[in-house]
Amino acid sequence: MPTSEEAREYGAKGGKASGEARAKKKTIGNILKQWSSFAVSDKQAEQLKKMGFSDDDLVNSTLVAVKLIEQMTKGDLKAMEMYVKLTGQDPETEAKIAKTKQETRLVKAEEQKIKNAFGEDREVEDLTGLADMLKDDESGSDD
């Protein structure tokens, strides 16, 4: 078992290595983003033109998209998964978005109830607990 000083040293080394790895990953990401806007080779440009792409589309990102589509049409499941993620059709993401929209609608509806009960001119800053208070008032009014 390492001493506390050794543990601190190991932790510092790990933190430094982690930071270096994140910086390297960020650098690679930036390089790839730049690369995607670079012009393709003349041979690739001719192929893309034959497919109907304009001169503005003769860049690496277009070539990557075309290759992805080619792989999908061959039945490559990984390519299909990548397509779904890149086009925002990921069911998990769609479910999260739908849930957030629903929660937003509910909060707005509760806010409107509060404004109706207390007047439109009052600013509602914190809805926490107010909706429950209204429900309690409504259920208790039958007494």
N, C-alpha and C. Protein backbone atom coordinates (compact mmCIF):
# COMPACT_ATOMS: atom_id res chain seq x y z
N MET A 1 0.86 -1.18 0.00
CA MET A 1 0.00 0.00 0.00
C MET A 1 0.90 1.24 0.00
N PRO A 2 0.64 2.15 -0.94
CA PRO A 2 1.50 3.34 -1.01
C PRO A 2 1.25 4.29 0.17
N THR A 3 2.29 5.02 0.49
CA THR A 3 2.15 6.04 1.53
C THR A 3 1.29 7.16 0.97
N SER A 4 0.86 8.06 1.85
CA SER A 4 0.01 9.16 1.37
C SER A 4 0.76 10.05 0.39
N GLU A 5 2.05 10.21 0.59
CA GLU A 5 2.84 11.03 -0.32
C GLU A 5 2.97 10.35 -1.69
N GLU A 6 3.16 9.03 -1.68
CA GLU A 6 3.24 8.28 -2.93
C GLU A 6 1.90 8.33 -3.66
N ALA A 7 0.81 8.19 -2.91
CA ALA A 7 -0.52 8.24 -3.50
C ALA A 7 -0.76 9.60 -4.14
N ARG A 8 -0.31 10.65 -3.47
CA ARG A 8 -0.45 12.01 -4.01
C ARG A 8 0.34 12.13 -5.32
N GLU A 9 1.55 11.58 -5.32
CA GLU A 9 2.39 11.62 -6.51
C GLU A 9 1.73 10.89 -7.67
N TYR A 10 1.21 9.67 -7.38
CA TYR A 10 0.54 8.89 -8.42
C TYR A 10 -0.68 9.64 -8.95
N GLY A 11 -1.41 10.25 -8.06
CA GLY A 11 -2.58 11.02 -8.46
C GLY A 11 -2.21 12.19 -9.35
N ALA A 12 -1.12 12.87 -8.99
CA ALA A 12 -0.66 14.01 -9.79
C ALA A 12 -0.24 13.55 -11.18
N LYS A 13 0.47 12.42 -11.24
CA LYS A 13 0.91 11.88 -12.53
C LYS A 13 -0.30 11.50 -13.38
N GLY A 14 -1.28 10.88 -12.75
CA GLY A 14 -2.49 10.47 -13.47
C GLY A 14 -3.26 11.68 -13.99
N GLY A 15 -3.36 12.71 -13.16
CA GLY A 15 -4.05 13.92 -13.58
C GLY A 15 -3.36 14.59 -14.74
N LYS A 16 -2.04 14.63 -14.68
CA LYS A 16 -1.27 15.24 -15.76
C LYS A 16 -1.44 14.44 -17.06
N ALA A 17 -1.39 13.11 -16.96
CA ALA A 17 -1.54 12.26 -18.14
C ALA A 17 -2.94 12.42 -18.72
N SER A 18 -3.94 12.52 -17.86
CA SER A 18 -5.32 12.69 -18.30
C SER A 18 -5.48 14.01 -19.06
N GLY A 19 -4.89 15.07 -18.53
CA GLY A 19 -4.95 16.38 -19.18
C GLY A 19 -4.26 16.36 -20.54
N GLU A 20 -3.13 15.66 -20.60
CA GLU A 20 -2.41 15.56 -21.88
C GLU A 20 -3.24 14.78 -22.90
N ALA A 21 -3.89 13.72 -22.44
CA ALA A 21 -4.73 12.92 -23.35
C ALA A 21 -5.90 13.74 -23.87
N ARG A 22 -6.55 14.53 -22.99
CA ARG A 22 -7.66 15.39 -23.43
C ARG A 22 -7.18 16.42 -24.45
N ALA A 23 -6.01 17.01 -24.19
CA ALA A 23 -5.47 18.02 -25.11
C ALA A 23 -5.16 17.40 -26.47
N LYS A 24 -4.60 16.19 -26.46
CA LYS A 24 -4.29 15.50 -27.71
C LYS A 24 -5.56 15.19 -28.48
N LYS A 25 -6.60 14.73 -27.78
CA LYS A 25 -7.87 14.40 -28.41
C LYS A 25 -8.49 15.66 -29.03
N LYS A 26 -8.40 16.78 -28.32
CA LYS A 26 -8.95 18.03 -28.83
C LYS A 26 -8.19 18.46 -30.09
N THR A 27 -6.87 18.32 -30.07
CA THR A 27 -6.06 18.68 -31.22
C THR A 27 -6.43 17.83 -32.43
N ILE A 28 -6.58 16.53 -32.21
CA ILE A 28 -6.96 15.63 -33.30
C ILE A 28 -8.33 16.03 -33.85
N GLY A 29 -9.27 16.35 -32.97
CA GLY A 29 -10.60 16.78 -33.41
C GLY A 29 -10.53 18.03 -34.27
N ASN A 30 -9.70 18.98 -33.85
CA ASN A 30 -9.56 20.22 -34.62
C ASN A 30 -8.95 19.96 -35.99
N ILE A 31 -7.97 19.06 -36.04
CA ILE A 31 -7.34 18.71 -37.32
C ILE A 31 -8.37 18.07 -38.25
N LEU A 32 -9.18 17.16 -37.71
CA LEU A 32 -10.19 16.49 -38.53
C LEU A 32 -11.24 17.47 -39.04
N LYS A 33 -11.63 18.44 -38.20
CA LYS A 33 -12.60 19.45 -38.64
C LYS A 33 -12.03 20.27 -39.79
N GLN A 34 -10.75 20.64 -39.69
CA GLN A 34 -10.11 21.38 -40.78
C GLN A 34 -10.06 20.53 -42.04
N TRP A 35 -9.62 19.27 -41.88
CA TRP A 35 -9.47 18.37 -43.00
C TRP A 35 -10.79 18.20 -43.76
N SER A 36 -11.90 18.20 -43.03
CA SER A 36 -13.20 17.96 -43.68
C SER A 36 -13.54 19.04 -44.70
N SER A 37 -12.96 20.22 -44.55
CA SER A 37 -13.27 21.32 -45.48
C SER A 37 -12.24 21.43 -46.61
N PHE A 38 -11.21 20.59 -46.60
CA PHE A 38 -10.20 20.63 -47.65
C PHE A 38 -10.74 20.02 -48.94
N ALA A 39 -10.25 20.49 -50.07
CA ALA A 39 -10.67 19.98 -51.37
C ALA A 39 -10.18 18.54 -51.55
N VAL A 40 -10.98 17.77 -52.26
CA VAL A 40 -10.61 16.38 -52.56
C VAL A 40 -9.65 16.37 -53.75
N SER A 41 -9.08 15.20 -54.04
CA SER A 41 -8.18 15.07 -55.18
C SER A 41 -8.96 15.26 -56.48
N ASP A 42 -8.25 15.48 -57.56
CA ASP A 42 -8.90 15.68 -58.86
C ASP A 42 -9.74 14.46 -59.25
N LYS A 43 -9.20 13.27 -59.01
CA LYS A 43 -9.92 12.05 -59.35
C LYS A 43 -11.21 11.93 -58.54
N GLN A 44 -11.13 12.23 -57.24
CA GLN A 44 -12.31 12.18 -56.37
C GLN A 44 -13.31 13.26 -56.77
N ALA A 45 -12.80 14.44 -57.15
CA ALA A 45 -13.67 15.54 -57.57
C ALA A 45 -14.48 15.13 -58.80
N GLU A 46 -13.83 14.47 -59.76
CA GLU A 46 -14.53 14.02 -60.96
C GLU A 46 -15.63 13.02 -60.61
N GLN A 47 -15.33 12.10 -59.68
CA GLN A 47 -16.33 11.12 -59.25
C GLN A 47 -17.53 11.82 -58.60
N LEU A 48 -17.24 12.80 -57.74
CA LEU A 48 -18.32 13.52 -57.06
C LEU A 48 -19.15 14.33 -58.05
N LYS A 49 -18.49 14.93 -59.05
CA LYS A 49 -19.22 15.69 -60.07
C LYS A 49 -20.16 14.78 -60.86
N LYS A 50 -19.68 13.56 -61.18
CA LYS A 50 -20.52 12.60 -61.90
C LYS A 50 -21.75 12.23 -61.09
N MET A 51 -21.63 12.33 -59.77
CA MET A 51 -22.76 12.01 -58.88
C MET A 51 -23.70 13.20 -58.74
N GLY A 52 -23.31 14.36 -59.28
CA GLY A 52 -24.19 15.52 -59.26
C GLY A 52 -23.83 16.58 -58.23
N PHE A 53 -22.69 16.44 -57.58
CA PHE A 53 -22.29 17.44 -56.59
C PHE A 53 -21.72 18.68 -57.28
N SER A 54 -21.98 19.84 -56.67
CA SER A 54 -21.49 21.11 -57.22
C SER A 54 -20.03 21.31 -56.80
N ASP A 55 -19.40 22.30 -57.40
CA ASP A 55 -18.00 22.60 -57.07
C ASP A 55 -17.81 22.91 -55.59
N ASP A 56 -18.82 23.53 -54.97
CA ASP A 56 -18.73 23.87 -53.54
C ASP A 56 -18.71 22.63 -52.65
N ASP A 57 -19.21 21.51 -53.18
CA ASP A 57 -19.30 20.28 -52.39
C ASP A 57 -18.10 19.35 -52.57
N LEU A 58 -17.11 19.77 -53.31
CA LEU A 58 -15.97 18.90 -53.60
C LEU A 58 -14.93 18.96 -52.48
N VAL A 59 -15.38 18.59 -51.28
CA VAL A 59 -14.52 18.61 -50.09
C VAL A 59 -14.59 17.24 -49.41
N ASN A 60 -13.66 17.03 -48.50
CA ASN A 60 -13.55 15.74 -47.83
C ASN A 60 -14.82 15.32 -47.09
N SER A 61 -15.54 16.26 -46.49
CA SER A 61 -16.75 15.87 -45.76
C SER A 61 -17.79 15.25 -46.68
N THR A 62 -17.89 15.74 -47.92
CA THR A 62 -18.80 15.16 -48.90
C THR A 62 -18.36 13.74 -49.24
N LEU A 63 -17.07 13.57 -49.44
CA LEU A 63 -16.53 12.26 -49.76
C LEU A 63 -16.81 11.27 -48.63
N VAL A 64 -16.64 11.70 -47.39
CA VAL A 64 -16.92 10.84 -46.24
C VAL A 64 -18.39 10.44 -46.22
N ALA A 65 -19.28 11.40 -46.48
CA ALA A 65 -20.72 11.10 -46.49
C ALA A 65 -21.05 10.09 -47.58
N VAL A 66 -20.46 10.25 -48.75
CA VAL A 66 -20.71 9.32 -49.86
C VAL A 66 -20.22 7.92 -49.49
N LYS A 67 -19.04 7.83 -48.91
CA LYS A 67 -18.50 6.53 -48.52
C LYS A 67 -19.36 5.89 -47.44
N LEU A 68 -19.88 6.69 -46.53
CA LEU A 68 -20.77 6.17 -45.49
C LEU A 68 -22.03 5.57 -46.12
N ILE A 69 -22.59 6.29 -47.07
CA ILE A 69 -23.79 5.81 -47.77
C ILE A 69 -23.49 4.51 -48.52
N GLU A 70 -22.33 4.45 -49.17
CA GLU A 70 -21.95 3.24 -49.88
C GLU A 70 -21.89 2.05 -48.93
N GLN A 71 -21.31 2.26 -47.75
CA GLN A 71 -21.21 1.18 -46.77
C GLN A 71 -22.59 0.76 -46.27
N MET A 72 -23.46 1.73 -46.06
CA MET A 72 -24.82 1.41 -45.60
C MET A 72 -25.55 0.56 -46.63
N THR A 73 -25.41 0.92 -47.91
CA THR A 73 -26.12 0.18 -48.95
C THR A 73 -25.59 -1.25 -49.09
N LYS A 74 -24.40 -1.49 -48.57
CA LYS A 74 -23.84 -2.85 -48.56
C LYS A 74 -24.28 -3.62 -47.33
N GLY A 75 -25.06 -2.95 -46.44
CA GLY A 75 -25.56 -3.63 -45.26
C GLY A 75 -24.68 -3.50 -44.03
N ASP A 76 -23.74 -2.59 -44.05
CA ASP A 76 -22.84 -2.40 -42.90
C ASP A 76 -23.61 -1.75 -41.74
N LEU A 77 -23.83 -2.53 -40.67
CA LEU A 77 -24.61 -2.04 -39.53
C LEU A 77 -23.93 -0.89 -38.81
N LYS A 78 -22.62 -0.92 -38.70
CA LYS A 78 -21.90 0.18 -38.04
C LYS A 78 -22.08 1.48 -38.81
N ALA A 79 -22.06 1.38 -40.13
CA ALA A 79 -22.29 2.57 -40.96
C ALA A 79 -23.70 3.09 -40.74
N MET A 80 -24.66 2.18 -40.62
CA MET A 80 -26.04 2.59 -40.37
C MET A 80 -26.18 3.27 -39.02
N GLU A 81 -25.53 2.73 -38.00
CA GLU A 81 -25.55 3.35 -36.67
C GLU A 81 -24.94 4.75 -36.73
N MET A 82 -23.83 4.88 -37.45
CA MET A 82 -23.17 6.18 -37.59
C MET A 82 -24.10 7.17 -38.28
N TYR A 83 -24.77 6.72 -39.34
CA TYR A 83 -25.72 7.57 -40.06
C TYR A 83 -26.82 8.08 -39.13
N VAL A 84 -27.38 7.15 -38.35
CA VAL A 84 -28.46 7.51 -37.43
C VAL A 84 -27.98 8.57 -36.44
N LYS A 85 -26.79 8.40 -35.91
CA LYS A 85 -26.26 9.37 -34.94
C LYS A 85 -25.96 10.70 -35.61
N LEU A 86 -25.34 10.67 -36.78
CA LEU A 86 -24.97 11.91 -37.46
C LEU A 86 -26.16 12.72 -37.94
N THR A 87 -27.27 12.04 -38.23
CA THR A 87 -28.46 12.75 -38.72
C THR A 87 -29.45 13.06 -37.61
N GLY A 88 -29.07 12.76 -36.36
CA GLY A 88 -29.92 13.10 -35.24
C GLY A 88 -31.14 12.21 -35.09
N GLN A 89 -31.08 11.02 -35.64
CA GLN A 89 -32.22 10.11 -35.58
C GLN A 89 -32.04 9.03 -34.51
N ASP A 90 -31.08 9.23 -33.63
CA ASP A 90 -30.81 8.27 -32.57
C ASP A 90 -32.02 8.20 -31.64
N PRO A 91 -32.62 7.03 -31.47
CA PRO A 91 -33.82 6.92 -30.63
C PRO A 91 -33.61 7.41 -29.20
N GLU A 92 -32.44 7.16 -28.64
CA GLU A 92 -32.17 7.64 -27.28
C GLU A 92 -32.20 9.16 -27.23
N THR A 93 -31.56 9.79 -28.19
CA THR A 93 -31.53 11.24 -28.24
C THR A 93 -32.92 11.80 -28.47
N GLU A 94 -33.66 11.18 -29.38
CA GLU A 94 -35.02 11.64 -29.66
C GLU A 94 -35.90 11.50 -28.42
N ALA A 95 -35.72 10.42 -27.66
CA ALA A 95 -36.51 10.22 -26.44
C ALA A 95 -36.18 11.29 -25.41
N LYS A 96 -34.90 11.62 -25.27
CA LYS A 96 -34.50 12.66 -24.32
C LYS A 96 -35.08 14.01 -24.72
N ILE A 97 -35.05 14.31 -26.00
CA ILE A 97 -35.60 15.58 -26.49
C ILE A 97 -37.10 15.64 -26.23
N ALA A 98 -37.80 14.54 -26.53
CA ALA A 98 -39.25 14.50 -26.31
C ALA A 98 -39.58 14.67 -24.83
N LYS A 99 -38.81 14.03 -23.97
CA LYS A 99 -39.03 14.14 -22.52
C LYS A 99 -38.82 15.58 -22.06
N THR A 100 -37.77 16.20 -22.54
CA THR A 100 -37.48 17.59 -22.16
C THR A 100 -38.59 18.52 -22.64
N LYS A 101 -39.08 18.31 -23.86
CA LYS A 101 -40.17 19.14 -24.38
C LYS A 101 -41.43 18.97 -23.52
N GLN A 102 -41.73 17.73 -23.15
CA GLN A 102 -42.90 17.46 -22.31
C GLN A 102 -42.76 18.15 -20.95
N GLU A 103 -41.58 18.03 -20.35
CA GLU A 103 -41.34 18.66 -19.05
C GLU A 103 -41.48 20.18 -19.16
N THR A 104 -40.99 20.74 -20.25
CA THR A 104 -41.10 22.19 -20.47
C THR A 104 -42.57 22.60 -20.59
N ARG A 105 -43.36 21.82 -21.33
CA ARG A 105 -44.80 22.12 -21.46
C ARG A 105 -45.49 22.07 -20.10
N LEU A 106 -45.14 21.07 -19.29
CA LEU A 106 -45.75 20.95 -17.96
C LEU A 106 -45.40 22.14 -17.07
N VAL A 107 -44.14 22.54 -17.10
CA VAL A 107 -43.71 23.68 -16.29
C VAL A 107 -44.43 24.95 -16.74
N LYS A 108 -44.56 25.15 -18.05
CA LYS A 108 -45.26 26.34 -18.55
C LYS A 108 -46.73 26.32 -18.16
N ALA A 109 -47.33 25.14 -18.21
CA ALA A 109 -48.74 25.03 -17.82
C ALA A 109 -48.91 25.35 -16.33
N GLU A 110 -48.02 24.85 -15.51
CA GLU A 110 -48.08 25.15 -14.07
C GLU A 110 -47.83 26.63 -13.82
N GLU A 111 -46.90 27.20 -14.56
CA GLU A 111 -46.62 28.63 -14.42
C GLU A 111 -47.86 29.45 -14.78
N GLN A 112 -48.57 29.03 -15.84
CA GLN A 112 -49.77 29.74 -16.24
C GLN A 112 -50.86 29.62 -15.17
N LYS A 113 -50.98 28.43 -14.57
CA LYS A 113 -51.96 28.26 -13.48
C LYS A 113 -51.65 29.23 -12.34
N ILE A 114 -50.39 29.34 -12.01
CA ILE A 114 -49.97 30.22 -10.90
C ILE A 114 -50.26 31.67 -11.26
N LYS A 115 -49.95 32.05 -12.48
CA LYS A 115 -50.22 33.43 -12.90
C LYS A 115 -51.71 33.72 -12.88
N ASN A 116 -52.50 32.74 -13.30
CA ASN A 116 -53.96 32.91 -13.28
C ASN A 116 -54.47 33.06 -11.85
N ALA A 117 -53.88 32.30 -10.94
CA ALA A 117 -54.32 32.34 -9.54
C ALA A 117 -53.87 33.61 -8.83
N PHE A 118 -52.71 34.10 -9.16
CA PHE A 118 -52.14 35.24 -8.43
C PHE A 118 -52.08 36.52 -9.25
N GLY A 119 -52.47 36.48 -10.49
CA GLY A 119 -52.45 37.68 -11.33
C GLY A 119 -51.29 37.67 -12.29
N GLU A 120 -51.54 38.11 -13.52
CA GLU A 120 -50.54 38.13 -14.57
C GLU A 120 -49.37 39.07 -14.29
N ASP A 121 -49.61 40.13 -13.53
CA ASP A 121 -48.57 41.13 -13.33
C ASP A 121 -47.51 40.70 -12.33
N ARG A 122 -47.74 39.63 -11.59
CA ARG A 122 -46.76 39.16 -10.61
C ARG A 122 -45.72 38.30 -11.30
N GLU A 123 -44.48 38.50 -10.95
CA GLU A 123 -43.36 37.71 -11.49
C GLU A 123 -43.28 36.41 -10.73
N VAL A 124 -43.23 35.29 -11.44
CA VAL A 124 -43.10 33.98 -10.79
C VAL A 124 -41.64 33.58 -10.93
N GLU A 125 -40.91 33.59 -9.80
CA GLU A 125 -39.49 33.29 -9.85
C GLU A 125 -39.19 31.84 -9.52
N ASP A 126 -39.91 31.25 -8.58
CA ASP A 126 -39.60 29.89 -8.17
C ASP A 126 -40.88 29.08 -8.10
N LEU A 127 -40.99 28.09 -8.99
CA LEU A 127 -42.19 27.28 -9.06
C LEU A 127 -42.15 26.10 -8.09
N THR A 128 -41.01 25.88 -7.46
CA THR A 128 -40.85 24.73 -6.59
C THR A 128 -41.89 24.76 -5.49
N GLY A 129 -42.72 23.77 -5.45
CA GLY A 129 -43.71 23.64 -4.40
C GLY A 129 -45.00 24.40 -4.65
N LEU A 130 -45.01 25.41 -5.50
CA LEU A 130 -46.22 26.21 -5.71
C LEU A 130 -47.32 25.40 -6.39
N ALA A 131 -46.94 24.57 -7.35
CA ALA A 131 -47.93 23.75 -8.03
C ALA A 131 -48.58 22.78 -7.05
N ASP A 132 -47.80 22.20 -6.16
CA ASP A 132 -48.34 21.29 -5.16
C ASP A 132 -49.28 22.03 -4.22
N MET A 133 -48.93 23.28 -3.86
CA MET A 133 -49.79 24.08 -2.99
C MET A 133 -51.14 24.31 -3.66
N LEU A 134 -51.13 24.61 -4.95
CA LEU A 134 -52.36 24.83 -5.69
C LEU A 134 -53.22 23.56 -5.71
N LYS A 135 -52.58 22.42 -5.94
CA LYS A 135 -53.31 21.14 -5.95
C LYS A 135 -53.94 20.88 -4.60
N ASP A 136 -53.18 21.16 -3.51
CA ASP A 136 -53.70 20.97 -2.17
C ASP A 136 -54.90 21.88 -1.93
N ASP A 137 -54.81 23.14 -2.39
CA ASP A 137 -55.91 24.09 -2.22
C ASP A 137 -57.14 23.62 -2.96
N GLU A 138 -56.95 23.10 -4.19
CA GLU A 138 -58.07 22.64 -4.99
C GLU A 138 -58.74 21.43 -4.34
N SER A 139 -57.93 20.50 -3.83
CA SER A 139 -58.52 19.29 -3.21
C SER A 139 -59.13 19.61 -1.85
N GLY A 140 -58.65 20.60 -1.17
CA GLY A 140 -59.18 20.96 0.14
C GLY A 140 -60.40 21.86 0.07
N SER A 141 -60.71 22.41 -1.10
CA SER A 141 -61.83 23.35 -1.21
C SER A 141 -63.18 22.65 -1.22
N ASP A 142 -63.21 21.32 -1.33
CA ASP A 142 -64.48 20.58 -1.34
C ASP A 142 -65.05 20.39 0.05
N ASP A 143 -64.31 20.74 1.09
CA ASP A 143 -64.76 20.51 2.49
C ASP A 143 -66.04 21.19 2.81
